[in-house]
Amino acid sequence: MDTQQQKSYKVLVVGDSCEDVYHFGTCQRISPEAPVPILKKTHEEIRPGMSANVVANLESLGITCFHIRNTNLIRKHRFIDDTFKQHLLRLDEGEDAESYKLDVSVFKKYKDLDAIVISDYNKGFVTYDDCKEICETYKDIPIFVDTKKDDLSCFEEAIIKINNKEEDRISKYPAKYELVTTLGDQGARWKEFHFPAVPTEVFDVCGAGDTFFAAFICEYLKTKDFLASIIFANKCAALTVKRIGTYSLNEEEIQSIRDDIRS
């Protein structure tokens, strides 16, 4: 399949990481103590989240990944009524714990990289100065950024992916950069080009941005074509939102998308 050629690509992913814990159950009554549903838990699933989800998606697309992330364990607990696929509550823990400080010099042990990927959820692991140093040090290879920072001036000459809500908060941009903006159910935008979303039934948008980001990186490394990369990423994200929780596409789904684009 097409992913065979891409297996030679090697990228270094740096960013905040977490575990997404999904508590599935059924809701059949309301608590007598407060107007809230009672979840009768049936099972639990733990999946990689934040930058770890980006890594999982890149690897499913045939990319070899090295991953530098926070050492403190962040967990996002999501409580879900499995009958109606309804998200009831999210509980976060671990974000305030101390993490080791990123040392960009450790990047030197990773050789022959095709790209640097910064998956920055702005939890404090990757600072503004870290991002600036990374972009200055590795300006000879593509640097892909997905960030929740308001000041993007540290990402000089990077390819930046943000969503439309994040775009509204941006206070400063780099002098030279490329910007891809995801628009939820309206698709994506790059320069004057608008890419409509693929019509699909949406169950959960959690992790869709990570899938879009990873798919865009994969296709761009292969083609150096922004238009083709966004089209591919849009279709990959459309499959993800049909699933509950973070999700990485399998080989059959990826091949189906490529076949659909060729047709």
Protein backbone atom coordinates (compact mmCIF):
# COMPACT_ATOMS: atom_id res chain seq x y z
CA MET A 1 0.00 0.00 0.00
CA ASP A 2 1.02 3.69 -0.26
CA THR A 3 2.27 3.91 3.31
CA GLN A 4 5.17 1.59 2.46
CA GLN A 5 7.26 4.41 0.98
CA GLN A 6 6.58 6.67 3.96
CA LYS A 7 8.09 4.22 6.47
CA SER A 8 11.51 5.66 5.74
CA TYR A 9 10.53 9.08 7.15
CA LYS A 10 11.79 9.84 10.65
CA VAL A 11 10.44 12.66 12.79
CA LEU A 12 11.06 13.91 16.31
CA VAL A 13 7.88 14.80 18.19
CA VAL A 14 8.15 17.05 21.23
CA GLY A 15 5.25 18.18 23.37
CA ASP A 16 2.86 17.73 26.26
CA SER A 17 1.55 14.20 26.63
CA CYS A 18 -1.20 12.56 28.68
CA GLU A 19 -3.30 9.47 29.15
CA ASP A 20 -6.93 9.68 28.09
CA VAL A 21 -8.97 7.44 30.38
CA TYR A 22 -12.49 6.61 29.17
CA HIS A 23 -15.00 5.38 31.75
CA PHE A 24 -17.88 3.83 29.83
CA GLY A 25 -21.20 2.93 31.37
CA THR A 26 -24.95 3.30 31.22
CA CYS A 27 -27.22 5.96 32.71
CA GLN A 28 -30.67 4.81 33.73
CA ARG A 29 -31.56 7.18 36.55
CA ILE A 30 -30.91 10.59 38.09
CA SER A 31 -29.25 10.95 41.48
CA PRO A 32 -31.70 11.73 44.33
CA GLU A 33 -28.97 13.90 45.88
CA ALA A 34 -28.54 16.29 42.94
CA PRO A 35 -29.93 16.68 39.39
CA VAL A 36 -27.10 14.67 37.82
CA PRO A 37 -27.11 11.30 35.99
CA ILE A 38 -25.75 8.21 37.72
CA LEU A 39 -23.24 6.32 35.56
CA LYS A 40 -23.13 2.56 36.06
CA LYS A 41 -19.63 1.76 34.87
CA THR A 42 -19.20 -1.16 32.47
CA HIS A 43 -15.62 -0.84 31.25
CA GLU A 44 -12.59 1.43 30.97
CA GLU A 45 -10.15 2.20 28.16
CA ILE A 46 -6.81 4.03 28.35
CA ARG A 47 -5.50 5.69 25.19
CA PRO A 48 -2.57 8.00 24.36
CA GLY A 49 -3.46 11.69 24.45
CA MET A 50 -2.07 15.04 23.30
CA SER A 51 1.39 14.61 21.71
CA ALA A 52 1.21 10.85 22.33
CA ASN A 53 -1.91 10.75 20.16
CA VAL A 54 -0.03 12.62 17.42
CA VAL A 55 2.70 9.97 17.64
CA ALA A 56 0.14 7.15 17.45
CA ASN A 57 -1.41 8.70 14.35
CA LEU A 58 1.96 9.31 12.67
CA GLU A 59 3.02 5.72 13.33
CA SER A 60 -0.24 4.40 11.90
CA LEU A 61 0.64 6.33 8.74
CA GLY A 62 4.04 4.66 8.50
CA ILE A 63 6.20 7.38 10.05
CA THR A 64 9.03 6.45 12.45
CA CYS A 65 8.73 8.65 15.55
CA PHE A 66 11.00 9.64 18.40
CA HIS A 67 9.12 11.25 21.26
CA ILE A 68 10.24 13.76 23.90
CA ARG A 69 7.53 14.56 26.44
CA ASN A 70 6.81 15.57 30.03
CA THR A 71 7.61 13.09 32.80
CA ASN A 72 4.71 14.01 35.08
CA LEU A 73 1.66 11.88 34.30
CA ILE A 74 -1.35 13.91 33.16
CA ARG A 75 -4.63 12.04 33.03
CA LYS A 76 -7.89 13.19 31.46
CA HIS A 77 -10.80 11.10 32.70
CA ARG A 78 -13.89 11.14 30.51
CA PHE A 79 -17.17 9.62 31.71
CA ILE A 80 -19.36 8.48 28.83
CA ASP A 81 -22.86 7.04 28.56
CA ASP A 82 -22.18 4.24 26.10
CA THR A 83 -25.84 3.84 25.14
CA PHE A 84 -26.25 7.32 23.68
CA LYS A 85 -22.52 8.14 23.19
CA GLN A 86 -23.01 11.08 25.54
CA HIS A 87 -20.02 12.73 27.22
CA LEU A 88 -21.09 13.42 30.82
CA LEU A 89 -18.01 14.72 32.62
CA ARG A 90 -14.27 15.26 32.26
CA LEU A 91 -11.87 15.20 35.21
CA ASP A 92 -8.22 16.26 34.74
CA GLU A 93 -5.36 15.45 37.07
CA GLY A 94 -1.58 15.85 37.09
CA GLU A 95 -1.20 19.12 35.20
CA ASP A 96 0.16 20.96 38.23
CA ALA A 97 2.85 18.36 38.98
CA GLU A 98 6.49 19.27 38.31
CA SER A 99 7.90 18.10 34.97
CA TYR A 100 11.50 18.05 33.85
CA LYS A 101 12.62 21.05 31.83
CA LEU A 102 13.12 20.48 28.14
CA ASP A 103 16.79 20.40 27.11
CA VAL A 104 17.00 21.04 23.37
CA SER A 105 20.58 19.74 23.32
CA VAL A 106 19.28 16.17 23.75
CA PHE A 107 17.86 16.48 20.24
CA LYS A 108 21.39 16.00 18.89
CA LYS A 109 21.29 12.25 19.50
CA TYR A 110 18.52 11.89 16.91
CA LYS A 111 20.17 11.68 13.49
CA ASP A 112 18.91 12.07 9.92
CA LEU A 113 15.53 13.49 10.88
CA ASP A 114 13.09 14.45 8.13
CA ALA A 115 11.11 16.84 10.33
CA ILE A 116 10.52 18.22 13.82
CA VAL A 117 6.95 18.13 15.17
CA ILE A 118 5.95 20.39 18.07
CA SER A 119 2.65 19.34 19.65
CA ASP A 120 2.24 22.11 22.19
CA TYR A 121 -0.79 22.06 24.47
CA ASN A 122 0.75 24.95 26.41
CA LYS A 123 0.93 23.04 29.71
CA GLY A 124 4.40 24.43 30.44
CA PHE A 125 6.65 21.66 29.10
CA VAL A 126 7.60 23.47 25.87
CA THR A 127 8.28 27.14 26.61
CA TYR A 128 8.37 30.07 24.21
CA ASP A 129 12.19 30.10 24.40
CA ASP A 130 12.34 26.34 23.75
CA CYS A 131 10.25 26.75 20.61
CA LYS A 132 12.39 29.64 19.42
CA GLU A 133 15.59 27.62 19.90
CA ILE A 134 14.13 24.57 18.14
CA CYS A 135 13.10 26.64 15.12
CA GLU A 136 16.51 28.34 14.92
CA THR A 137 18.44 25.08 15.32
CA TYR A 138 16.43 22.95 12.88
CA LYS A 139 15.53 25.53 10.23
CA ASP A 140 17.01 23.29 7.51
CA ILE A 141 14.24 20.70 7.88
CA PRO A 142 10.46 21.16 8.03
CA ILE A 143 9.09 22.13 11.45
CA PHE A 144 5.41 21.39 11.99
CA VAL A 145 3.64 23.08 14.89
CA ASP A 146 0.28 22.56 16.56
CA THR A 147 0.08 25.00 19.45
CA LYS A 148 -2.23 26.66 21.93
CA LYS A 149 0.13 29.58 22.54
CA ASP A 150 -1.17 33.09 21.83
CA ASP A 151 2.22 34.45 20.74
CA LEU A 152 3.42 32.51 17.69
CA SER A 153 6.46 34.68 16.96
CA CYS A 154 8.78 31.94 18.28
CA PHE A 155 7.78 29.63 15.40
CA GLU A 156 9.82 31.35 12.67
CA GLU A 157 9.57 29.62 9.24
CA ALA A 158 7.43 26.82 10.68
CA ILE A 159 4.28 25.26 9.25
CA ILE A 160 1.67 26.03 11.91
CA LYS A 161 -1.70 24.32 12.40
CA ILE A 162 -4.28 25.90 14.72
CA ASN A 163 -8.06 25.88 14.91
CA ASN A 164 -10.32 28.88 14.33
CA LYS A 165 -10.95 29.48 18.05
CA GLU A 166 -7.21 29.54 18.72
CA GLU A 167 -6.71 31.84 15.73
CA ASP A 168 -9.02 34.44 17.30
CA ARG A 169 -6.67 34.66 20.32
CA ILE A 170 -3.36 35.05 18.45
CA SER A 171 -1.51 38.20 19.51
CA LYS A 172 1.61 37.91 17.33
CA TYR A 173 2.80 35.93 14.30
CA PRO A 174 6.31 35.11 13.03
CA ALA A 175 7.80 37.14 10.19
CA LYS A 176 7.74 34.08 7.92
CA TYR A 177 5.45 31.09 8.32
CA GLU A 178 2.70 28.99 6.79
CA LEU A 179 -0.65 28.75 8.55
CA VAL A 180 -3.29 26.05 8.20
CA THR A 181 -6.48 26.70 10.16
CA THR A 182 -9.00 23.96 10.92
CA LEU A 183 -12.61 25.14 11.06
CA GLY A 184 -14.48 22.28 12.71
CA ASP A 185 -17.48 21.25 10.64
CA GLN A 186 -16.55 23.93 8.09
CA GLY A 187 -13.34 22.16 7.05
CA ALA A 188 -9.99 23.94 6.83
CA ARG A 189 -8.35 27.03 5.38
CA TRP A 190 -4.91 27.78 3.92
CA LYS A 191 -4.24 31.19 2.40
CA GLU A 192 -7.17 31.94 0.02
CA PHE A 193 -8.14 28.26 -0.24
CA HIS A 194 -11.07 26.80 1.68
CA PHE A 195 -11.43 23.03 2.05
CA PRO A 196 -14.97 21.95 2.99
CA ALA A 197 -15.32 19.29 5.65
CA VAL A 198 -16.14 15.78 4.51
CA PRO A 199 -19.85 15.18 5.31
CA THR A 200 -20.05 12.63 8.11
CA GLU A 201 -21.93 11.76 11.28
CA VAL A 202 -20.01 13.25 14.20
CA PHE A 203 -19.84 11.35 17.49
CA ASP A 204 -16.78 12.93 19.12
CA VAL A 205 -14.32 15.63 17.98
CA CYS A 206 -11.75 14.65 20.64
CA GLY A 207 -8.38 14.05 18.94
CA ALA A 208 -9.59 15.04 15.48
CA GLY A 209 -7.09 17.90 15.39
CA ASP A 210 -4.25 15.49 16.20
CA THR A 211 -5.32 13.18 13.38
CA PHE A 212 -5.57 16.10 10.93
CA PHE A 213 -2.12 17.31 12.03
CA ALA A 214 -0.47 13.89 11.68
CA ALA A 215 -2.10 13.17 8.32
CA PHE A 216 -1.07 16.59 6.99
CA ILE A 217 2.55 16.01 8.10
CA CYS A 218 2.65 12.57 6.50
CA GLU A 219 1.30 13.74 3.16
CA TYR A 220 3.40 16.91 3.10
CA LEU A 221 6.62 14.96 3.69
CA LYS A 222 5.65 12.75 0.77
CA THR A 223 4.41 15.39 -1.69
CA LYS A 224 5.48 18.89 -0.48
CA ASP A 225 1.99 19.87 -1.67
CA PHE A 226 -0.18 21.91 0.73
CA LEU A 227 -3.40 21.35 -1.21
CA ALA A 228 -3.02 17.57 -1.44
CA SER A 229 -1.92 17.37 2.21
CA ILE A 230 -4.95 19.27 3.52
CA ILE A 231 -7.36 17.23 1.40
CA PHE A 232 -5.87 14.02 2.78
CA ALA A 233 -5.88 15.37 6.36
CA ASN A 234 -9.53 16.46 6.06
CA LYS A 235 -10.58 12.96 5.02
CA CYS A 236 -8.59 11.32 7.82
CA ALA A 237 -10.10 13.64 10.45
CA ALA A 238 -13.59 12.88 9.11
CA LEU A 239 -13.12 9.20 9.98
CA THR A 240 -11.82 10.02 13.46
CA VAL A 241 -14.88 12.05 14.52
CA LYS A 242 -17.07 9.01 13.88
CA ARG A 243 -15.33 7.31 16.82
CA ILE A 244 -15.57 7.92 20.54
CA GLY A 245 -12.33 9.30 21.95
CA THR A 246 -8.84 9.61 20.51
CA TYR A 247 -8.28 7.26 17.61
CA SER A 248 -5.57 6.44 15.07
CA LEU A 249 -6.58 5.12 11.65
CA ASN A 250 -5.74 1.59 10.61
CA GLU A 251 -4.13 0.54 7.31
CA GLU A 252 -7.44 -0.41 5.69
CA GLU A 253 -8.96 3.01 6.47
CA ILE A 254 -5.88 4.85 5.20
CA GLN A 255 -5.87 2.85 1.98
CA SER A 256 -9.58 3.54 1.50
CA ILE A 257 -8.94 7.29 1.81
CA ARG A 258 -6.12 7.15 -0.73
CA ASP A 259 -8.26 5.13 -3.13
CA ASP A 260 -11.09 7.65 -2.74
CA ILE A 261 -8.76 10.60 -3.50
CA ARG A 262 -7.37 8.87 -6.61
CA SER A 263 -10.86 8.17 -7.91
